[in-house]
Amino acid sequence: MIKNEMRPAGPFPGKAGQSTADPEDNQARPEDNQAMQAAKSIPLTIAIPTYNRAEKVAALASSIVAQLGPGDELLVVDDCSPDKTTELLGAMSGVRLERHSANQGMVKNWNSCFQLATNDWVCIIHDDDVVSPNAVSVLRSTYTAVGRPALIAQPWRSSPPPNDYHYHVYAPSPSAVLASALCPSGAVIHRALYEQMGGFDERFMYSADVEYFARLATRYDLVVIASPAVVVYQFHESNYQYETWMKPDFWSQWGEIAQCVFSYAGLDEKAFFHAYKEHMAATLRHIMETAVKRKDKMLLRKYAKICLKNPEYGRRLQLRGLIAATLSR
């Protein structure tokens, strides 16, 4: 069954009492099956930006090649890796390998994927993630059913979703902006969005996808694939997101990105401040909980200090920061 609806979601808080768009709830219809058949004729570029993960990106590419249809391309953009990426991918049938002559950095490499892709629909998948066996089919069916340029992505999730197929569509709106903090790996973006709105903002070395998705949601439909899973996001110590939390400028940059998102949502001054405070506090809680689970004393100590220096995040978080500071000694 295909279920298409609009509803609020995402980790960004909105204004208290703020109304959202009326739900659009469409059940499966005969034309849905027609759309599935027509989907076979609309090609997709799967782009994998990679750096220094030869074995992982080779395994990922191999799993994707088997799913490609006529006109599809699998593009791997190597950011001048010193490992065996060129050797492994260059010999793989069905893979188009492009290599930078000098390292560009993650966000520039993401933008390179759009610039080098030959199809209008472009899906970026991170080089250390795992795709489901029907990932390409699900993505193709979704953008064909939507029928217009859009941003398509899946939620962050810690457990597998049901296998039934349904998605939610948000028209451009504050609700869409606040619902746009989705998993960047496996996201599909039509070329029109890149050409009209620009690419990932290269000022943001960390979490540039959060600002970009929110910016796109101000002008284009946001489509959230609720199920089935397309990509299984891999979170580990060598994961880029985990590494960025220890960067000295991560917290200030994260705050700047959050301000961009709430600005795009058009919140008034009072709602803006409340949403920003709640969002930053939620991020602090998440990072410290992760640090405790992973017994990472350095990470815990760093964010305990941030808690103690920012009383506006609330007394409970101040207390948590004090306890964390004691435990991380």
Protein backbone atom coordinates (compact mmCIF):
# COMPACT_ATOMS: atom_id res chain seq x y z
CA MET A 1 0.00 0.00 0.00
CA ILE A 2 1.18 3.50 -0.83
CA LYS A 3 0.26 6.09 1.74
CA ASN A 4 0.92 9.74 1.00
CA GLU A 5 0.23 12.29 3.72
CA MET A 6 1.39 15.57 5.21
CA ARG A 7 2.19 15.79 8.91
CA PRO A 8 4.63 17.58 11.23
CA ALA A 9 7.87 15.80 12.11
CA GLY A 10 11.55 16.37 12.75
CA PRO A 11 13.67 17.45 15.72
CA PHE A 12 13.37 21.21 15.21
CA PRO A 13 10.77 22.67 17.59
CA GLY A 14 8.23 25.13 16.23
CA LYS A 15 6.23 27.88 17.85
CA ALA A 16 3.96 26.67 20.62
CA GLY A 17 0.45 26.25 19.28
CA GLN A 18 1.59 26.80 15.70
CA SER A 19 -0.76 25.17 13.19
CA THR A 20 0.57 22.92 10.45
CA ALA A 21 -0.61 22.25 6.93
CA ASP A 22 -3.78 20.17 6.60
CA PRO A 23 -2.97 16.47 6.12
CA GLU A 24 -3.06 15.07 2.62
CA ASP A 25 -3.83 11.38 2.97
CA ASN A 26 -4.04 9.46 -0.31
CA GLN A 27 -4.55 5.71 -0.32
CA ALA A 28 -3.16 3.47 -3.05
CA ARG A 29 -5.00 3.85 -6.36
CA PRO A 30 -4.75 2.16 -9.79
CA GLU A 31 -2.70 5.09 -11.08
CA ASP A 32 -0.14 4.36 -8.35
CA ASN A 33 0.65 1.07 -10.08
CA GLN A 34 0.90 2.94 -13.37
CA ALA A 35 3.36 5.32 -11.73
CA MET A 36 5.43 2.36 -10.57
CA GLN A 37 5.66 1.09 -14.13
CA ALA A 38 6.47 4.54 -15.51
CA ALA A 39 9.16 4.89 -12.86
CA LYS A 40 11.30 2.39 -14.70
CA SER A 41 11.93 4.94 -17.45
CA ILE A 42 13.18 7.82 -15.25
CA PRO A 43 16.92 7.39 -14.64
CA LEU A 44 18.72 8.09 -11.38
CA THR A 45 22.28 9.02 -10.52
CA ILE A 46 23.56 7.43 -7.33
CA ALA A 47 26.55 9.51 -6.22
CA ILE A 48 28.98 8.39 -3.52
CA PRO A 49 31.41 11.05 -2.29
CA THR A 50 34.33 9.22 -0.70
CA TYR A 51 37.64 9.69 1.04
CA ASN A 52 40.02 7.01 2.25
CA ARG A 53 37.48 4.21 2.74
CA ALA A 54 38.41 1.92 -0.13
CA GLU A 55 36.99 -1.35 1.17
CA LYS A 56 33.76 0.15 2.47
CA VAL A 57 33.02 2.17 -0.66
CA ALA A 58 33.81 -0.83 -2.87
CA ALA A 59 31.35 -2.99 -0.93
CA LEU A 60 28.70 -0.26 -1.11
CA ALA A 61 29.21 0.25 -4.85
CA SER A 62 28.94 -3.48 -5.49
CA SER A 63 25.59 -3.64 -3.70
CA ILE A 64 24.24 -0.72 -5.72
CA VAL A 65 25.40 -1.84 -9.18
CA ALA A 66 23.09 -4.85 -9.00
CA GLN A 67 20.08 -2.53 -8.54
CA LEU A 68 20.73 -0.14 -11.42
CA GLY A 69 18.36 0.08 -14.38
CA PRO A 70 18.70 1.45 -17.92
CA GLY A 71 20.01 5.02 -17.89
CA ASP A 72 21.03 4.91 -14.22
CA GLU A 73 24.59 5.74 -13.25
CA LEU A 74 26.68 5.01 -10.20
CA LEU A 75 29.07 7.90 -9.73
CA VAL A 76 31.88 7.70 -7.17
CA VAL A 77 33.70 10.98 -6.51
CA ASP A 78 37.01 10.31 -4.81
CA ASP A 79 38.42 13.26 -2.89
CA CYS A 80 42.05 12.35 -3.65
CA SER A 81 42.21 9.35 -1.34
CA PRO A 82 45.70 7.99 -0.56
CA ASP A 83 44.37 4.43 -0.21
CA LYS A 84 43.31 1.85 -2.83
CA THR A 85 40.01 3.54 -3.78
CA THR A 86 41.10 4.17 -7.38
CA GLU A 87 42.46 0.65 -7.76
CA LEU A 88 39.32 -1.06 -6.42
CA LEU A 89 36.68 1.16 -8.02
CA GLY A 90 38.49 1.62 -11.32
CA ALA A 91 38.26 -2.09 -12.00
CA MET A 92 34.58 -2.39 -11.08
CA SER A 93 32.07 -2.71 -13.91
CA GLY A 94 29.15 -0.29 -13.79
CA VAL A 95 30.97 2.37 -11.76
CA ARG A 96 31.92 5.80 -13.08
CA LEU A 97 34.89 6.96 -11.00
CA GLU A 98 35.90 10.63 -10.82
CA ARG A 99 38.93 11.66 -8.76
CA HIS A 100 39.95 15.11 -7.52
CA SER A 101 43.59 15.98 -8.09
CA ALA A 102 43.69 17.57 -4.62
CA ASN A 103 41.56 17.09 -1.53
CA GLN A 104 38.51 19.40 -1.58
CA GLY A 105 36.88 18.57 1.74
CA MET A 106 33.57 16.84 2.42
CA VAL A 107 31.09 19.59 1.59
CA LYS A 108 32.79 20.61 -1.67
CA ASN A 109 32.83 16.96 -2.63
CA TRP A 110 29.08 16.75 -2.02
CA ASN A 111 28.58 19.65 -4.42
CA SER A 112 30.87 17.95 -6.94
CA CYS A 113 28.39 15.08 -7.05
CA PHE A 114 25.69 17.40 -8.43
CA GLN A 115 28.10 19.01 -10.88
CA LEU A 116 29.28 15.67 -12.28
CA ALA A 117 25.96 13.79 -12.32
CA THR A 118 24.38 13.25 -15.75
CA ASN A 119 20.77 12.61 -14.62
CA ASP A 120 18.24 15.08 -13.18
CA TRP A 121 17.52 13.04 -10.05
CA VAL A 122 20.62 12.69 -7.88
CA CYS A 123 20.92 10.56 -4.75
CA ILE A 124 23.96 11.05 -2.50
CA ILE A 125 24.90 8.07 -0.32
CA HIS A 126 27.67 8.23 2.27
CA ASP A 127 30.57 5.87 1.66
CA ASP A 128 30.27 3.96 4.95
CA ASP A 129 26.53 3.27 4.86
CA VAL A 130 24.54 0.24 3.72
CA VAL A 131 21.66 0.28 1.22
CA SER A 132 18.60 -1.93 1.34
CA PRO A 133 18.15 -4.50 -1.47
CA ASN A 134 15.29 -2.44 -3.00
CA ALA A 135 16.69 1.04 -2.34
CA VAL A 136 16.85 2.19 -5.97
CA SER A 137 13.35 0.89 -6.68
CA VAL A 138 11.87 2.71 -3.66
CA LEU A 139 13.58 5.99 -4.56
CA ARG A 140 12.54 5.77 -8.21
CA SER A 141 8.94 4.95 -7.35
CA THR A 142 8.80 7.90 -4.95
CA TYR A 143 10.09 10.62 -7.24
CA THR A 144 7.96 9.31 -10.08
CA ALA A 145 4.82 9.33 -7.93
CA VAL A 146 5.58 12.88 -6.73
CA GLY A 147 6.02 13.94 -10.35
CA ARG A 148 7.85 17.26 -9.81
CA PRO A 149 11.23 18.51 -8.54
CA ALA A 150 11.53 17.89 -4.81
CA LEU A 151 13.78 16.90 -1.93
CA ILE A 152 13.25 13.26 -0.91
CA ALA A 153 14.81 11.79 2.24
CA GLN A 154 14.23 9.39 5.10
CA PRO A 155 14.14 10.07 8.86
CA TRP A 156 16.98 9.34 11.22
CA ARG A 157 16.07 6.08 12.92
CA SER A 158 17.59 3.71 15.43
CA SER A 159 15.47 0.69 14.46
CA PRO A 160 14.18 -0.67 11.14
CA PRO A 161 10.81 0.70 9.98
CA PRO A 162 7.93 -1.47 8.72
CA ASN A 163 8.26 -2.87 5.20
CA ASP A 164 5.08 -1.27 3.86
CA TYR A 165 5.69 1.61 1.48
CA HIS A 166 4.45 5.08 2.40
CA TYR A 167 5.71 8.61 2.41
CA HIS A 168 4.72 12.07 3.65
CA VAL A 169 4.69 15.18 1.47
CA TYR A 170 5.13 18.71 2.82
CA ALA A 171 4.43 21.70 0.62
CA PRO A 172 6.94 24.57 1.06
CA SER A 173 6.09 26.05 4.46
CA PRO A 174 7.45 26.70 7.97
CA SER A 175 6.28 23.18 8.89
CA ALA A 176 8.34 21.73 6.05
CA VAL A 177 11.41 23.68 7.15
CA LEU A 178 11.06 22.42 10.72
CA ALA A 179 10.59 18.84 9.46
CA SER A 180 13.63 18.90 7.19
CA ALA A 181 16.33 17.64 9.59
CA LEU A 182 16.49 14.25 7.87
CA CYS A 183 19.19 11.70 7.14
CA PRO A 184 21.41 13.13 4.38
CA SER A 185 22.62 9.73 3.21
CA GLY A 186 20.14 8.40 0.66
CA ALA A 187 18.54 11.80 0.05
CA VAL A 188 17.42 12.46 -3.53
CA ILE A 189 17.47 16.00 -4.92
CA HIS A 190 16.29 17.09 -8.35
CA ARG A 191 18.79 19.09 -10.37
CA ALA A 192 16.35 22.03 -10.55
CA LEU A 193 16.72 22.57 -6.80
CA TYR A 194 20.51 22.73 -7.08
CA GLU A 195 20.34 25.12 -10.01
CA GLN A 196 17.76 27.44 -8.42
CA MET A 197 18.84 27.32 -4.75
CA GLY A 198 22.55 26.59 -5.04
CA GLY A 199 24.36 23.72 -3.38
CA PHE A 200 25.49 22.88 0.12
CA ASP A 201 26.85 25.98 1.86
CA GLU A 202 30.60 25.43 1.94
CA ARG A 203 31.00 27.77 4.91
CA PHE A 204 29.60 24.98 7.06
CA MET A 205 32.18 22.22 7.43
CA TYR A 206 29.85 20.24 9.70
CA SER A 207 26.17 19.37 9.20
CA ALA A 208 25.84 21.45 6.03
CA ASP A 209 22.93 19.20 5.06
CA VAL A 210 20.80 20.59 7.91
CA GLU A 211 20.97 24.15 6.56
CA TYR A 212 20.62 23.01 2.95
CA PHE A 213 17.55 20.84 3.44
CA ALA A 214 15.83 23.62 5.40
CA ARG A 215 16.65 26.12 2.64
CA LEU A 216 15.25 23.82 -0.04
CA ALA A 217 12.04 23.27 1.97
CA THR A 218 11.22 26.98 1.71
CA ARG A 219 10.68 26.67 -2.06
CA TYR A 220 10.21 23.01 -2.97
CA ASP A 221 8.22 20.00 -1.74
CA LEU A 222 9.79 17.91 1.01
CA VAL A 223 9.04 14.20 0.70
CA VAL A 224 9.81 11.95 3.68
CA ILE A 225 9.98 8.22 3.00
CA ALA A 226 8.59 6.76 6.23
CA SER A 227 9.09 3.16 5.10
CA PRO A 228 10.69 0.96 3.99
CA ALA A 229 14.29 1.82 4.86
CA VAL A 230 16.45 2.98 1.96
CA VAL A 231 19.79 3.42 3.71
CA VAL A 232 21.01 2.07 7.02
CA TYR A 233 23.07 4.88 8.52
CA GLN A 234 26.26 3.68 10.22
CA PHE A 235 27.22 5.49 13.44
CA HIS A 236 30.66 4.62 14.83
CA GLU A 237 33.82 6.21 16.25
CA SER A 238 35.28 6.86 12.79
CA ASN A 239 31.95 8.27 11.60
CA TYR A 240 32.34 11.89 10.47
CA GLN A 241 29.45 13.13 12.61
CA TYR A 242 30.99 11.65 15.75
CA GLU A 243 34.40 13.13 14.91
CA THR A 244 33.00 16.62 14.37
CA TRP A 245 31.67 16.85 17.91
CA MET A 246 35.24 17.21 19.15
CA LYS A 247 36.14 19.98 16.69
CA PRO A 248 36.76 23.30 18.46
CA ASP A 249 34.38 25.23 16.22
CA PHE A 250 31.58 22.65 15.96
CA TRP A 251 29.34 24.13 18.63
CA SER A 252 29.45 27.68 17.29
CA GLN A 253 28.84 26.44 13.75
CA TRP A 254 25.95 24.25 14.90
CA GLY A 255 24.39 27.30 16.54
CA GLU A 256 24.74 29.29 13.31
CA ILE A 257 23.07 26.52 11.33
CA ALA A 258 20.19 26.36 13.82
CA GLN A 259 19.71 30.12 13.47
CA CYS A 260 19.51 29.70 9.69
CA VAL A 261 16.84 27.01 10.02
CA PHE A 262 14.62 29.03 12.37
CA SER A 263 15.08 32.10 10.19
CA TYR A 264 13.91 30.12 7.13
CA ALA A 265 10.88 29.00 9.17
CA GLY A 266 9.92 32.66 9.70
CA LEU A 267 9.55 32.43 13.47
CA ASP A 268 8.96 35.70 15.32
CA GLU A 269 11.58 36.89 17.82
CA LYS A 270 10.05 35.23 20.88
CA ALA A 271 9.41 31.91 19.12
CA PHE A 272 12.86 32.05 17.50
CA PHE A 273 14.64 32.39 20.84
CA HIS A 274 12.55 29.64 22.46
CA ALA A 275 13.06 27.23 19.55
CA TYR A 276 16.78 27.95 19.37
CA LYS A 277 17.27 27.37 23.11
CA GLU A 278 15.28 24.12 23.05
CA HIS A 279 17.13 22.83 20.02
CA MET A 280 20.61 23.58 21.38
CA ALA A 281 19.69 22.02 24.74
CA ALA A 282 18.39 18.88 23.00
CA THR A 283 21.65 18.63 21.05
CA LEU A 284 23.68 18.90 24.26
CA ARG A 285 21.64 16.13 25.88
CA HIS A 286 22.07 13.87 22.86
CA ILE A 287 25.83 14.35 22.65
CA MET A 288 26.38 13.81 26.37
CA GLU A 289 24.18 10.69 26.40
CA THR A 290 26.21 9.33 23.48
CA ALA A 291 29.45 10.14 25.30
CA VAL A 292 28.27 8.27 28.39
CA LYS A 293 27.20 5.21 26.37
CA ARG A 294 30.57 5.13 24.61
CA LYS A 295 32.52 5.94 27.77
CA ASP A 296 34.14 8.86 25.98
CA LYS A 297 35.41 11.04 28.82
CA MET A 298 36.97 13.67 26.56
CA LEU A 299 33.71 14.24 24.71
CA LEU A 300 31.73 14.27 27.96
CA ARG A 301 34.09 16.78 29.55
CA LYS A 302 33.94 19.10 26.55
CA TYR A 303 30.13 19.31 26.52
CA ALA A 304 29.80 19.39 30.28
CA LYS A 305 31.73 22.65 30.14
CA ILE A 306 29.36 24.01 27.49
CA CYS A 307 26.39 23.16 29.73
CA LEU A 308 27.91 24.98 32.67
CA LYS A 309 28.70 28.06 30.57
CA ASN A 310 25.16 28.36 29.19
CA PRO A 311 22.60 28.69 32.03
CA GLU A 312 19.92 29.72 29.50
CA TYR A 313 19.60 26.04 28.56
CA GLY A 314 17.94 25.34 31.89
CA ARG A 315 18.75 24.25 35.43
CA ARG A 316 18.38 20.55 34.70
CA LEU A 317 20.97 20.71 31.96
CA GLN A 318 23.23 22.73 34.27
CA LEU A 319 22.95 19.96 36.86
CA ARG A 320 23.59 17.33 34.22
CA GLY A 321 26.67 19.25 33.12
CA LEU A 322 27.94 19.42 36.71
CA ILE A 323 27.48 15.66 37.16
CA ALA A 324 29.11 14.95 33.79
CA ALA A 325 32.08 17.17 34.66
CA THR A 326 32.58 15.17 37.87
CA LEU A 327 32.27 11.80 36.12
CA SER A 328 34.69 12.73 33.35
CA ARG A 329 37.61 13.59 35.63
